[in-house]
Amino acid sequence: MPTQISESEQQQLIEKLDIFRIKGRDKRGRSILRVIAKFFPARIVSVDALRKYLEEKIFPELEKKPFAVLYVHTGVQRCENFPGISAIRSIYDAIPINVKRNLEAVYFLHPGLQARLFLATFGRFLFTGGVYGKLKYVSRLDYLWEHVRRSEIEVPEFVCDHDEDLEDRPMMDYGLESDHPRVYDAPAVDSPVSMYSMRCIS
């Protein structure tokens, strides 16, 4: 159950954590909705608050032209960042039809074995209307830059570090080696410190 803070405070938290950002384009000229899943505080934010935030802040910006989603799965922990299957389906059902029609690609960065198995099992059930077929797994940042304009997308430091770890220990992709993740938290609400690496955007 989410911590009991007001719905407006939850929406402010989503905004401050910079979980969702519409910025940049892919190489087909489509706008990018970047989602940093590790920053999503599933224990604090309710499904209703998240849905209302998306309806007010994000969906209206995506109704008029084609776009793609960059979903950054790096560092996601089920107990901390995953809202649950029913919540995901509820949010998906709330997406306006025009937005669903405009969604042309989902770049899924650093999926990992568990995420692949989850989507193989539930993906077609959760994401109807052909959305599942638009999913593109991207195992490395170098492969992402083949699709997305690198200079227009900001990637957090921990994503770059994880990518380097995968290059050195490729069996982590298949769940055959522990990743022993470095400690990175979601940015503090009032922290002025940047979580973004110039290595990833230069």
N, C-alpha and C. Protein backbone atom coordinates (compact mmCIF):
# COMPACT_ATOMS: atom_id res chain seq x y z
N MET A 1 0.84 -1.20 0.00
CA MET A 1 0.00 0.00 0.00
C MET A 1 0.87 1.25 0.00
N PRO A 2 0.56 2.23 -0.82
CA PRO A 2 1.35 3.46 -0.83
C PRO A 2 1.28 4.20 0.50
N THR A 3 2.35 4.90 0.85
CA THR A 3 2.35 5.75 2.03
C THR A 3 1.27 6.81 1.87
N GLN A 4 0.61 7.14 2.97
CA GLN A 4 -0.52 8.06 2.91
C GLN A 4 -0.06 9.52 2.88
N ILE A 5 0.21 10.01 1.70
CA ILE A 5 0.40 11.44 1.49
C ILE A 5 -0.67 11.84 0.47
N SER A 6 -0.96 13.11 0.40
CA SER A 6 -2.06 13.55 -0.45
C SER A 6 -1.76 13.27 -1.92
N GLU A 7 -2.83 13.20 -2.70
CA GLU A 7 -2.67 12.94 -4.13
C GLU A 7 -1.88 14.05 -4.82
N SER A 8 -2.13 15.29 -4.41
CA SER A 8 -1.39 16.40 -5.01
C SER A 8 0.10 16.31 -4.66
N GLU A 9 0.43 15.89 -3.46
CA GLU A 9 1.83 15.73 -3.07
C GLU A 9 2.48 14.59 -3.86
N GLN A 10 1.72 13.55 -4.11
CA GLN A 10 2.24 12.45 -4.93
C GLN A 10 2.55 12.92 -6.34
N GLN A 11 1.67 13.72 -6.90
CA GLN A 11 1.90 14.22 -8.25
C GLN A 11 3.11 15.16 -8.29
N GLN A 12 3.26 15.97 -7.25
CA GLN A 12 4.43 16.84 -7.17
C GLN A 12 5.71 16.02 -7.08
N LEU A 13 5.65 14.90 -6.37
CA LEU A 13 6.81 14.02 -6.25
C LEU A 13 7.18 13.42 -7.60
N ILE A 14 6.20 12.98 -8.35
CA ILE A 14 6.45 12.44 -9.69
C ILE A 14 7.15 13.49 -10.55
N GLU A 15 6.67 14.71 -10.46
CA GLU A 15 7.26 15.81 -11.25
C GLU A 15 8.70 16.07 -10.84
N LYS A 16 8.96 16.12 -9.55
CA LYS A 16 10.30 16.46 -9.06
C LYS A 16 11.32 15.36 -9.33
N LEU A 17 10.86 14.13 -9.33
CA LEU A 17 11.78 13.02 -9.58
C LEU A 17 12.11 12.86 -11.06
N ASP A 18 11.41 13.60 -11.91
CA ASP A 18 11.71 13.61 -13.34
C ASP A 18 11.61 12.21 -13.94
N ILE A 19 10.56 11.49 -13.55
CA ILE A 19 10.35 10.13 -14.05
C ILE A 19 9.96 10.14 -15.52
N PHE A 20 9.10 11.07 -15.88
CA PHE A 20 8.61 11.20 -17.25
C PHE A 20 9.09 12.53 -17.84
N ARG A 21 9.63 12.45 -19.06
CA ARG A 21 10.04 13.68 -19.72
C ARG A 21 9.86 13.52 -21.23
N ILE A 22 9.22 14.49 -21.84
CA ILE A 22 9.09 14.51 -23.30
C ILE A 22 10.16 15.44 -23.84
N LYS A 23 11.15 14.85 -24.46
CA LYS A 23 12.27 15.64 -24.96
C LYS A 23 13.06 14.81 -25.95
N GLY A 24 13.53 15.43 -27.00
CA GLY A 24 14.35 14.75 -27.98
C GLY A 24 13.52 14.02 -29.02
N ARG A 25 14.23 13.46 -29.99
CA ARG A 25 13.59 12.74 -31.08
C ARG A 25 14.40 11.49 -31.43
N ASP A 26 13.71 10.53 -32.00
CA ASP A 26 14.45 9.39 -32.55
C ASP A 26 14.86 9.73 -33.98
N LYS A 27 15.50 8.79 -34.66
CA LYS A 27 16.05 9.09 -35.98
C LYS A 27 15.00 9.11 -37.09
N ARG A 28 13.76 8.85 -36.71
CA ARG A 28 12.65 9.02 -37.64
C ARG A 28 11.90 10.33 -37.39
N GLY A 29 12.46 11.13 -36.48
CA GLY A 29 11.88 12.44 -36.20
C GLY A 29 10.75 12.43 -35.21
N ARG A 30 10.49 11.30 -34.56
CA ARG A 30 9.39 11.21 -33.60
C ARG A 30 9.82 11.72 -32.23
N SER A 31 8.92 12.43 -31.57
CA SER A 31 9.18 12.88 -30.20
C SER A 31 9.41 11.67 -29.30
N ILE A 32 10.18 11.88 -28.24
CA ILE A 32 10.50 10.80 -27.30
C ILE A 32 9.90 11.10 -25.93
N LEU A 33 9.14 10.15 -25.40
CA LEU A 33 8.75 10.17 -24.00
C LEU A 33 9.72 9.26 -23.26
N ARG A 34 10.61 9.88 -22.48
CA ARG A 34 11.58 9.10 -21.71
C ARG A 34 11.01 8.77 -20.34
N VAL A 35 11.13 7.51 -19.94
CA VAL A 35 10.63 7.04 -18.64
C VAL A 35 11.79 6.40 -17.89
N ILE A 36 12.16 6.96 -16.73
CA ILE A 36 13.21 6.37 -15.88
C ILE A 36 12.50 5.57 -14.79
N ALA A 37 12.37 4.27 -15.00
CA ALA A 37 11.54 3.45 -14.11
C ALA A 37 12.12 3.33 -12.70
N LYS A 38 13.44 3.39 -12.58
CA LYS A 38 14.07 3.28 -11.26
C LYS A 38 13.65 4.40 -10.33
N PHE A 39 13.28 5.55 -10.89
CA PHE A 39 12.91 6.70 -10.07
C PHE A 39 11.46 6.63 -9.57
N PHE A 40 10.67 5.67 -10.08
CA PHE A 40 9.27 5.62 -9.70
C PHE A 40 9.11 5.03 -8.30
N PRO A 41 8.57 5.81 -7.33
CA PRO A 41 8.43 5.34 -5.95
C PRO A 41 7.10 4.59 -5.75
N ALA A 42 7.09 3.32 -6.11
CA ALA A 42 5.84 2.55 -6.11
C ALA A 42 5.23 2.42 -4.71
N ARG A 43 6.05 2.54 -3.68
CA ARG A 43 5.53 2.42 -2.30
C ARG A 43 4.83 3.70 -1.84
N ILE A 44 5.05 4.77 -2.55
CA ILE A 44 4.52 6.06 -2.11
C ILE A 44 3.40 6.56 -3.01
N VAL A 45 3.53 6.32 -4.30
CA VAL A 45 2.60 6.89 -5.27
C VAL A 45 1.52 5.87 -5.63
N SER A 46 0.27 6.28 -5.54
CA SER A 46 -0.86 5.41 -5.86
C SER A 46 -1.09 5.39 -7.37
N VAL A 47 -1.81 4.38 -7.83
CA VAL A 47 -2.16 4.27 -9.23
C VAL A 47 -3.01 5.48 -9.66
N ASP A 48 -3.94 5.88 -8.80
CA ASP A 48 -4.81 7.02 -9.14
C ASP A 48 -4.01 8.30 -9.33
N ALA A 49 -3.03 8.53 -8.45
CA ALA A 49 -2.21 9.73 -8.56
C ALA A 49 -1.37 9.70 -9.82
N LEU A 50 -0.81 8.54 -10.13
CA LEU A 50 -0.01 8.41 -11.34
C LEU A 50 -0.86 8.62 -12.59
N ARG A 51 -2.03 8.01 -12.61
CA ARG A 51 -2.91 8.15 -13.77
C ARG A 51 -3.32 9.60 -13.98
N LYS A 52 -3.64 10.28 -12.89
CA LYS A 52 -4.05 11.68 -13.00
C LYS A 52 -2.90 12.54 -13.48
N TYR A 53 -1.70 12.27 -13.00
CA TYR A 53 -0.53 13.03 -13.45
C TYR A 53 -0.34 12.86 -14.95
N LEU A 54 -0.42 11.62 -15.42
CA LEU A 54 -0.23 11.36 -16.84
C LEU A 54 -1.32 12.02 -17.67
N GLU A 55 -2.56 11.97 -17.18
CA GLU A 55 -3.68 12.57 -17.91
C GLU A 55 -3.55 14.08 -18.01
N GLU A 56 -2.97 14.70 -16.98
CA GLU A 56 -2.88 16.16 -16.96
C GLU A 56 -1.59 16.69 -17.58
N LYS A 57 -0.48 15.97 -17.40
CA LYS A 57 0.82 16.51 -17.78
C LYS A 57 1.44 15.89 -19.03
N ILE A 58 1.13 14.63 -19.29
CA ILE A 58 1.85 13.92 -20.34
C ILE A 58 0.97 13.63 -21.56
N PHE A 59 -0.16 13.00 -21.35
CA PHE A 59 -0.99 12.59 -22.49
C PHE A 59 -1.37 13.74 -23.43
N PRO A 60 -1.74 14.93 -22.90
CA PRO A 60 -2.10 16.02 -23.82
C PRO A 60 -0.99 16.41 -24.79
N GLU A 61 0.27 16.17 -24.39
CA GLU A 61 1.40 16.51 -25.25
C GLU A 61 1.65 15.47 -26.34
N LEU A 62 0.95 14.34 -26.25
CA LEU A 62 1.24 13.23 -27.16
C LEU A 62 0.08 12.92 -28.11
N GLU A 63 -0.96 13.74 -28.07
CA GLU A 63 -2.16 13.44 -28.84
C GLU A 63 -2.10 13.88 -30.30
N LYS A 64 -1.14 14.73 -30.65
CA LYS A 64 -1.20 15.38 -31.96
C LYS A 64 -0.25 14.81 -33.01
N LYS A 65 0.78 14.06 -32.59
CA LYS A 65 1.73 13.57 -33.59
C LYS A 65 2.39 12.28 -33.11
N PRO A 66 2.97 11.53 -34.03
CA PRO A 66 3.61 10.26 -33.66
C PRO A 66 4.74 10.47 -32.65
N PHE A 67 4.91 9.49 -31.79
CA PHE A 67 5.98 9.56 -30.80
C PHE A 67 6.47 8.15 -30.48
N ALA A 68 7.58 8.09 -29.77
CA ALA A 68 8.14 6.83 -29.29
C ALA A 68 8.41 6.96 -27.80
N VAL A 69 8.43 5.83 -27.13
CA VAL A 69 8.76 5.79 -25.71
C VAL A 69 10.14 5.19 -25.53
N LEU A 70 10.96 5.84 -24.73
CA LEU A 70 12.22 5.26 -24.28
C LEU A 70 12.02 4.87 -22.82
N TYR A 71 11.86 3.58 -22.60
CA TYR A 71 11.65 3.08 -21.24
C TYR A 71 12.98 2.55 -20.71
N VAL A 72 13.52 3.20 -19.68
CA VAL A 72 14.81 2.83 -19.11
C VAL A 72 14.57 1.94 -17.89
N HIS A 73 14.87 0.66 -18.07
CA HIS A 73 14.57 -0.34 -17.03
C HIS A 73 15.75 -0.55 -16.08
N THR A 74 16.84 0.09 -16.34
CA THR A 74 18.06 -0.09 -15.56
C THR A 74 17.82 0.11 -14.07
N GLY A 75 18.25 -0.87 -13.26
CA GLY A 75 18.20 -0.72 -11.81
C GLY A 75 16.84 -0.89 -11.17
N VAL A 76 15.84 -1.30 -11.92
CA VAL A 76 14.50 -1.46 -11.35
C VAL A 76 14.46 -2.64 -10.38
N GLN A 77 13.85 -2.41 -9.22
CA GLN A 77 13.63 -3.45 -8.22
C GLN A 77 12.13 -3.64 -8.05
N ARG A 78 11.68 -4.87 -8.14
CA ARG A 78 10.24 -5.13 -8.12
C ARG A 78 9.56 -4.56 -6.88
N CYS A 79 10.19 -4.70 -5.72
CA CYS A 79 9.55 -4.26 -4.48
C CYS A 79 9.53 -2.74 -4.34
N GLU A 80 10.39 -2.05 -5.08
CA GLU A 80 10.51 -0.60 -4.92
C GLU A 80 9.86 0.19 -6.06
N ASN A 81 9.98 -0.31 -7.29
CA ASN A 81 9.62 0.49 -8.46
C ASN A 81 8.49 -0.09 -9.31
N PHE A 82 8.04 -1.31 -9.01
CA PHE A 82 7.03 -1.96 -9.84
C PHE A 82 5.65 -1.81 -9.21
N PRO A 83 4.71 -1.15 -9.89
CA PRO A 83 3.40 -0.89 -9.28
C PRO A 83 2.46 -2.09 -9.28
N GLY A 84 2.79 -3.13 -10.04
CA GLY A 84 1.93 -4.31 -10.10
C GLY A 84 1.24 -4.45 -11.45
N ILE A 85 0.87 -5.67 -11.78
CA ILE A 85 0.26 -5.95 -13.08
C ILE A 85 -1.06 -5.23 -13.25
N SER A 86 -1.92 -5.30 -12.23
CA SER A 86 -3.23 -4.66 -12.35
C SER A 86 -3.10 -3.14 -12.50
N ALA A 87 -2.10 -2.56 -11.83
CA ALA A 87 -1.87 -1.12 -11.95
C ALA A 87 -1.42 -0.75 -13.35
N ILE A 88 -0.52 -1.55 -13.92
CA ILE A 88 -0.05 -1.28 -15.27
C ILE A 88 -1.21 -1.36 -16.27
N ARG A 89 -2.06 -2.36 -16.09
CA ARG A 89 -3.19 -2.50 -17.01
C ARG A 89 -4.16 -1.33 -16.84
N SER A 90 -4.37 -0.89 -15.60
CA SER A 90 -5.27 0.23 -15.35
C SER A 90 -4.75 1.50 -16.02
N ILE A 91 -3.47 1.73 -15.92
CA ILE A 91 -2.87 2.92 -16.53
C ILE A 91 -2.93 2.82 -18.05
N TYR A 92 -2.65 1.65 -18.57
CA TYR A 92 -2.71 1.47 -20.02
C TYR A 92 -4.12 1.72 -20.54
N ASP A 93 -5.12 1.23 -19.83
CA ASP A 93 -6.51 1.42 -20.25
C ASP A 93 -6.92 2.90 -20.23
N ALA A 94 -6.22 3.70 -19.40
CA ALA A 94 -6.56 5.11 -19.28
C ALA A 94 -5.93 5.97 -20.38
N ILE A 95 -5.04 5.38 -21.17
CA ILE A 95 -4.40 6.15 -22.24
C ILE A 95 -5.42 6.48 -23.32
N PRO A 96 -5.57 7.73 -23.68
CA PRO A 96 -6.53 8.11 -24.73
C PRO A 96 -6.23 7.40 -26.04
N ILE A 97 -7.27 7.13 -26.81
CA ILE A 97 -7.12 6.39 -28.05
C ILE A 97 -6.18 7.10 -29.02
N ASN A 98 -6.22 8.43 -29.06
CA ASN A 98 -5.33 9.17 -29.96
C ASN A 98 -3.86 8.98 -29.60
N VAL A 99 -3.60 8.89 -28.30
CA VAL A 99 -2.22 8.67 -27.85
C VAL A 99 -1.76 7.28 -28.23
N LYS A 100 -2.62 6.28 -28.05
CA LYS A 100 -2.26 4.92 -28.43
C LYS A 100 -1.98 4.82 -29.92
N ARG A 101 -2.78 5.52 -30.71
CA ARG A 101 -2.57 5.50 -32.16
C ARG A 101 -1.26 6.15 -32.55
N ASN A 102 -0.86 7.16 -31.81
CA ASN A 102 0.37 7.89 -32.15
C ASN A 102 1.63 7.18 -31.68
N LEU A 103 1.49 6.23 -30.77
CA LEU A 103 2.66 5.50 -30.28
C LEU A 103 3.15 4.54 -31.36
N GLU A 104 4.37 4.75 -31.82
CA GLU A 104 4.89 3.95 -32.93
C GLU A 104 6.03 3.02 -32.54
N ALA A 105 6.66 3.28 -31.40
CA ALA A 105 7.77 2.40 -30.98
C ALA A 105 7.99 2.56 -29.49
N VAL A 106 8.43 1.46 -28.86
CA VAL A 106 8.83 1.47 -27.45
C VAL A 106 10.23 0.88 -27.38
N TYR A 107 11.22 1.72 -27.06
CA TYR A 107 12.59 1.26 -26.89
C TYR A 107 12.78 0.88 -25.43
N PHE A 108 12.99 -0.39 -25.18
CA PHE A 108 13.08 -0.94 -23.82
C PHE A 108 14.56 -1.17 -23.52
N LEU A 109 15.15 -0.24 -22.77
CA LEU A 109 16.59 -0.29 -22.51
C LEU A 109 16.92 -1.14 -21.29
N HIS A 110 17.92 -2.01 -21.45
CA HIS A 110 18.40 -2.90 -20.39
C HIS A 110 17.28 -3.78 -19.81
N PRO A 111 16.63 -4.58 -20.63
CA PRO A 111 15.48 -5.34 -20.15
C PRO A 111 15.80 -6.41 -19.12
N GLY A 112 16.89 -7.14 -19.27
CA GLY A 112 17.19 -8.21 -18.33
C GLY A 112 16.30 -9.43 -18.56
N LEU A 113 16.70 -10.54 -18.00
CA LEU A 113 15.99 -11.80 -18.23
C LEU A 113 14.59 -11.79 -17.62
N GLN A 114 14.44 -11.31 -16.39
CA GLN A 114 13.14 -11.33 -15.72
C GLN A 114 12.12 -10.47 -16.47
N ALA A 115 12.54 -9.31 -16.94
CA ALA A 115 11.62 -8.44 -17.69
C ALA A 115 11.20 -9.08 -19.00
N ARG A 116 12.13 -9.73 -19.67
CA ARG A 116 11.80 -10.41 -20.92
C ARG A 116 10.79 -11.53 -20.68
N LEU A 117 11.00 -12.31 -19.62
CA LEU A 117 10.08 -13.40 -19.31
C LEU A 117 8.70 -12.86 -18.92
N PHE A 118 8.69 -11.77 -18.15
CA PHE A 118 7.42 -11.17 -17.75
C PHE A 118 6.63 -10.71 -18.98
N LEU A 119 7.29 -10.02 -19.89
CA LEU A 119 6.59 -9.51 -21.06
C LEU A 119 6.20 -10.62 -22.02
N ALA A 120 7.03 -11.67 -22.10
CA ALA A 120 6.67 -12.80 -22.94
C ALA A 120 5.41 -13.49 -22.41
N THR A 121 5.23 -13.45 -21.08
CA THR A 121 4.09 -14.10 -20.45
C THR A 121 2.85 -13.22 -20.45
N PHE A 122 3.03 -11.94 -20.09
CA PHE A 122 1.88 -11.04 -19.88
C PHE A 122 1.76 -9.92 -20.90
N GLY A 123 2.78 -9.74 -21.75
CA GLY A 123 2.80 -8.58 -22.64
C GLY A 123 1.58 -8.44 -23.52
N ARG A 124 1.18 -9.52 -24.17
CA ARG A 124 0.03 -9.44 -25.07
C ARG A 124 -1.28 -9.24 -24.32
N PHE A 125 -1.32 -9.71 -23.07
CA PHE A 125 -2.51 -9.49 -22.24
C PHE A 125 -2.58 -8.05 -21.76
N LEU A 126 -1.45 -7.49 -21.37
CA LEU A 126 -1.42 -6.13 -20.82
C LEU A 126 -1.56 -5.07 -21.89
N PHE A 127 -0.91 -5.29 -23.04
CA PHE A 127 -0.81 -4.24 -24.05
C PHE A 127 -1.49 -4.71 -25.33
N THR A 128 -2.75 -4.36 -25.46
CA THR A 128 -3.54 -4.75 -26.60
C THR A 128 -3.39 -3.75 -27.74
N GLY A 129 -4.07 -4.01 -28.84
CA GLY A 129 -4.08 -3.06 -29.95
C GLY A 129 -2.77 -2.96 -30.69
N GLY A 130 -1.94 -4.01 -30.64
CA GLY A 130 -0.70 -4.01 -31.40
C GLY A 130 0.48 -3.34 -30.72
N VAL A 131 0.27 -2.82 -29.51
CA VAL A 131 1.37 -2.12 -28.82
C VAL A 131 2.52 -3.07 -28.51
N TYR A 132 2.20 -4.29 -28.11
CA TYR A 132 3.25 -5.26 -27.78
C TYR A 132 4.19 -5.46 -28.97
N GLY A 133 3.63 -5.43 -30.18
CA GLY A 133 4.44 -5.64 -31.37
C GLY A 133 5.37 -4.47 -31.68
N LYS A 134 5.18 -3.33 -31.02
CA LYS A 134 6.04 -2.16 -31.23
C LYS A 134 7.23 -2.14 -30.28
N LEU A 135 7.31 -3.14 -29.41
CA LEU A 135 8.37 -3.20 -28.41
C LEU A 135 9.69 -3.61 -29.05
N LYS A 136 10.73 -2.84 -28.74
CA LYS A 136 12.07 -3.14 -29.25
C LYS A 136 13.02 -3.23 -28.06
N TYR A 137 13.54 -4.43 -27.79
CA TYR A 137 14.51 -4.59 -26.72
C TYR A 137 15.85 -3.99 -27.14
N VAL A 138 16.44 -3.21 -26.23
CA VAL A 138 17.73 -2.57 -26.51
C VAL A 138 18.66 -2.91 -25.34
N SER A 139 19.64 -3.76 -25.60
CA SER A 139 20.48 -4.26 -24.52
C SER A 139 21.65 -3.35 -24.16
N ARG A 140 22.02 -2.43 -25.08
CA ARG A 140 23.15 -1.54 -24.83
C ARG A 140 22.83 -0.13 -25.32
N LEU A 141 23.49 0.83 -24.71
CA LEU A 141 23.32 2.22 -25.14
C LEU A 141 23.78 2.42 -26.58
N ASP A 142 24.84 1.74 -26.98
CA ASP A 142 25.31 1.89 -28.35
C ASP A 142 24.22 1.50 -29.35
N TYR A 143 23.44 0.49 -29.01
CA TYR A 143 22.34 0.08 -29.90
C TYR A 143 21.20 1.10 -29.85
N LEU A 144 21.00 1.73 -28.69
CA LEU A 144 19.97 2.75 -28.58
C LEU A 144 20.27 3.92 -29.51
N TRP A 145 21.56 4.30 -29.58
CA TRP A 145 21.92 5.45 -30.40
C TRP A 145 21.74 5.17 -31.89
N GLU A 146 21.52 3.91 -32.27
CA GLU A 146 21.19 3.61 -33.65
C GLU A 146 19.78 4.05 -34.00
N HIS A 147 18.94 4.22 -32.95
CA HIS A 147 17.54 4.58 -33.15
C HIS A 147 17.21 5.99 -32.67
N VAL A 148 17.94 6.48 -31.69
CA VAL A 148 17.61 7.73 -31.01
C VAL A 148 18.75 8.73 -31.20
N ARG A 149 18.39 9.99 -31.33
CA ARG A 149 19.40 11.04 -31.49
C ARG A 149 20.10 11.28 -30.15
N ARG A 150 21.32 10.84 -30.07
CA ARG A 150 22.07 10.83 -28.82
C ARG A 150 22.18 12.20 -28.18
N SER A 151 22.39 13.23 -28.97
CA SER A 151 22.60 14.58 -28.44
C SER A 151 21.34 15.18 -27.82
N GLU A 152 20.19 14.54 -28.05
CA GLU A 152 18.92 15.11 -27.58
C GLU A 152 18.34 14.38 -26.37
N ILE A 153 19.01 13.32 -25.90
CA ILE A 153 18.49 12.51 -24.80
C ILE A 153 19.47 12.53 -23.64
N GLU A 154 18.98 12.83 -22.44
CA GLU A 154 19.80 12.76 -21.23
C GLU A 154 19.59 11.41 -20.56
N VAL A 155 20.70 10.77 -20.22
CA VAL A 155 20.67 9.45 -19.59
C VAL A 155 21.36 9.55 -18.24
N PRO A 156 20.75 9.06 -17.17
CA PRO A 156 21.37 9.15 -15.84
C PRO A 156 22.70 8.41 -15.76
N GLU A 157 23.52 8.86 -14.85
CA GLU A 157 24.84 8.29 -14.64
C GLU A 157 24.79 6.78 -14.41
N PHE A 158 23.86 6.33 -13.58
CA PHE A 158 23.82 4.91 -13.22
C PHE A 158 23.51 4.03 -14.44
N VAL A 159 22.83 4.58 -15.43
CA VAL A 159 22.54 3.82 -16.65
C VAL A 159 23.82 3.58 -17.44
N CYS A 160 24.64 4.61 -17.54
CA CYS A 160 25.93 4.47 -18.24
C CYS A 160 26.84 3.48 -17.52
N ASP A 161 26.86 3.56 -16.20
CA ASP A 161 27.70 2.64 -15.42
C ASP A 161 27.25 1.19 -15.59
N HIS A 162 25.93 0.99 -15.57
CA HIS A 162 25.41 -0.36 -15.75
C HIS A 162 25.75 -0.88 -17.15
N ASP A 163 25.67 -0.02 -18.13
CA ASP A 163 26.01 -0.41 -19.50
C ASP A 163 27.46 -0.86 -19.58
N GLU A 164 28.35 -0.16 -18.89
CA GLU A 164 29.75 -0.55 -18.88
C GLU A 164 29.93 -1.90 -18.19
N ASP A 165 29.19 -2.12 -17.11
CA ASP A 165 29.25 -3.41 -16.42
C ASP A 165 28.82 -4.55 -17.34
N LEU A 166 27.79 -4.30 -18.14
CA LEU A 166 27.31 -5.33 -19.06
C LEU A 166 28.34 -5.65 -20.12
N GLU A 167 29.08 -4.64 -20.55
CA GLU A 167 30.12 -4.88 -21.54
C GLU A 167 31.21 -5.78 -20.96
N ASP A 168 31.53 -5.57 -19.67
CA ASP A 168 32.59 -6.35 -19.03
C ASP A 168 32.10 -7.73 -18.60
N ARG A 169 30.79 -7.85 -18.31
CA ARG A 169 30.23 -9.11 -17.80
C ARG A 169 28.93 -9.41 -18.54
N PRO A 170 29.02 -9.83 -19.78
CA PRO A 170 27.83 -9.98 -20.63
C PRO A 170 26.84 -11.03 -20.15
N MET A 171 27.26 -11.98 -19.31
CA MET A 171 26.32 -13.00 -18.83
C MET A 171 25.24 -12.41 -17.92
N MET A 172 25.46 -11.18 -17.44
CA MET A 172 24.44 -10.50 -16.65
C MET A 172 23.15 -10.32 -17.45
N ASP A 173 23.27 -10.22 -18.77
CA ASP A 173 22.10 -10.06 -19.63
C ASP A 173 21.13 -11.22 -19.49
N TYR A 174 21.68 -12.38 -19.18
CA TYR A 174 20.87 -13.59 -19.16
C TYR A 174 20.57 -14.09 -17.75
N GLY A 175 20.89 -13.26 -16.76
CA GLY A 175 20.61 -13.64 -15.38
C GLY A 175 21.53 -14.72 -14.86
N LEU A 176 22.66 -14.95 -15.52
CA LEU A 176 23.58 -16.02 -15.13
C LEU A 176 24.72 -15.52 -14.27
N GLU A 177 24.73 -14.21 -14.02
CA GLU A 177 25.75 -13.62 -13.15
C GLU A 177 25.11 -12.49 -12.38
N SER A 178 25.40 -12.42 -11.09
CA SER A 178 24.86 -11.34 -10.27
C SER A 178 25.45 -10.02 -10.71
N ASP A 179 24.58 -8.98 -10.73
CA ASP A 179 25.10 -7.69 -11.17
C ASP A 179 25.74 -6.90 -10.04
N HIS A 180 25.47 -7.25 -8.77
CA HIS A 180 26.02 -6.50 -7.64
C HIS A 180 25.95 -5.01 -7.92
N PRO A 181 24.74 -4.47 -8.06
CA PRO A 181 24.60 -3.10 -8.55
C PRO A 181 25.26 -2.08 -7.65
N ARG A 182 25.82 -1.06 -8.27
CA ARG A 182 26.33 0.07 -7.51
C ARG A 182 25.15 0.78 -6.88
N VAL A 183 25.41 1.49 -5.82
CA VAL A 183 24.32 2.12 -5.08
C VAL A 183 23.99 3.47 -5.67
N TYR A 184 22.80 3.54 -6.30
CA TYR A 184 22.29 4.80 -6.83
C TYR A 184 20.84 4.89 -6.41
N ASP A 185 20.45 5.97 -5.80
CA ASP A 185 19.06 6.17 -5.43
C ASP A 185 18.43 7.16 -6.38
N ALA A 186 17.10 7.20 -6.34
CA ALA A 186 16.40 8.27 -7.06
C ALA A 186 16.85 9.60 -6.48
N PRO A 187 16.92 10.64 -7.28
CA PRO A 187 17.40 11.92 -6.77
C PRO A 187 16.52 12.44 -5.65
N ALA A 188 17.14 12.98 -4.62
CA ALA A 188 16.37 13.57 -3.53
C ALA A 188 15.51 14.70 -4.08
N VAL A 189 14.34 14.87 -3.49
CA VAL A 189 13.38 15.83 -4.02
C VAL A 189 13.96 17.23 -4.09
N ASP A 190 14.76 17.61 -3.11
CA ASP A 190 15.30 18.95 -3.07
C ASP A 190 16.77 19.01 -3.46
N SER A 191 17.28 17.90 -4.00
CA SER A 191 18.71 17.87 -4.32
C SER A 191 19.00 18.61 -5.61
N PRO A 192 20.01 19.51 -5.59
CA PRO A 192 20.40 20.22 -6.82
C PRO A 192 21.41 19.43 -7.64
N VAL A 193 21.87 18.28 -7.12
CA VAL A 193 22.93 17.53 -7.76
C VAL A 193 22.39 16.81 -8.99
N SER A 194 23.07 16.97 -10.09
CA SER A 194 22.65 16.32 -11.33
C SER A 194 22.94 14.83 -11.26
N MET A 195 21.98 14.03 -11.76
CA MET A 195 22.17 12.59 -11.84
C MET A 195 22.56 12.18 -13.25
N TYR A 196 22.88 13.14 -14.13
CA TYR A 196 23.11 12.82 -15.52
C TYR A 196 24.58 12.90 -15.86
N SER A 197 25.00 12.01 -16.72
CA SER A 197 26.40 11.89 -17.08
C SER A 197 26.68 12.51 -18.43
N MET A 198 27.72 13.29 -18.51
CA MET A 198 28.11 13.88 -19.78
C MET A 198 28.62 12.79 -20.74
N ARG A 199 29.05 11.63 -20.20
CA ARG A 199 29.48 10.54 -21.06
C ARG A 199 28.34 10.08 -21.93
N CYS A 200 27.10 10.19 -21.43
CA CYS A 200 25.97 9.63 -22.13
C CYS A 200 25.34 10.59 -23.12
N ILE A 201 25.65 11.87 -23.00
CA ILE A 201 24.97 12.83 -23.85
C ILE A 201 25.92 13.59 -24.76
N SER A 202 27.22 13.38 -24.57
CA SER A 202 28.18 14.10 -25.39
C SER A 202 28.41 13.36 -26.70
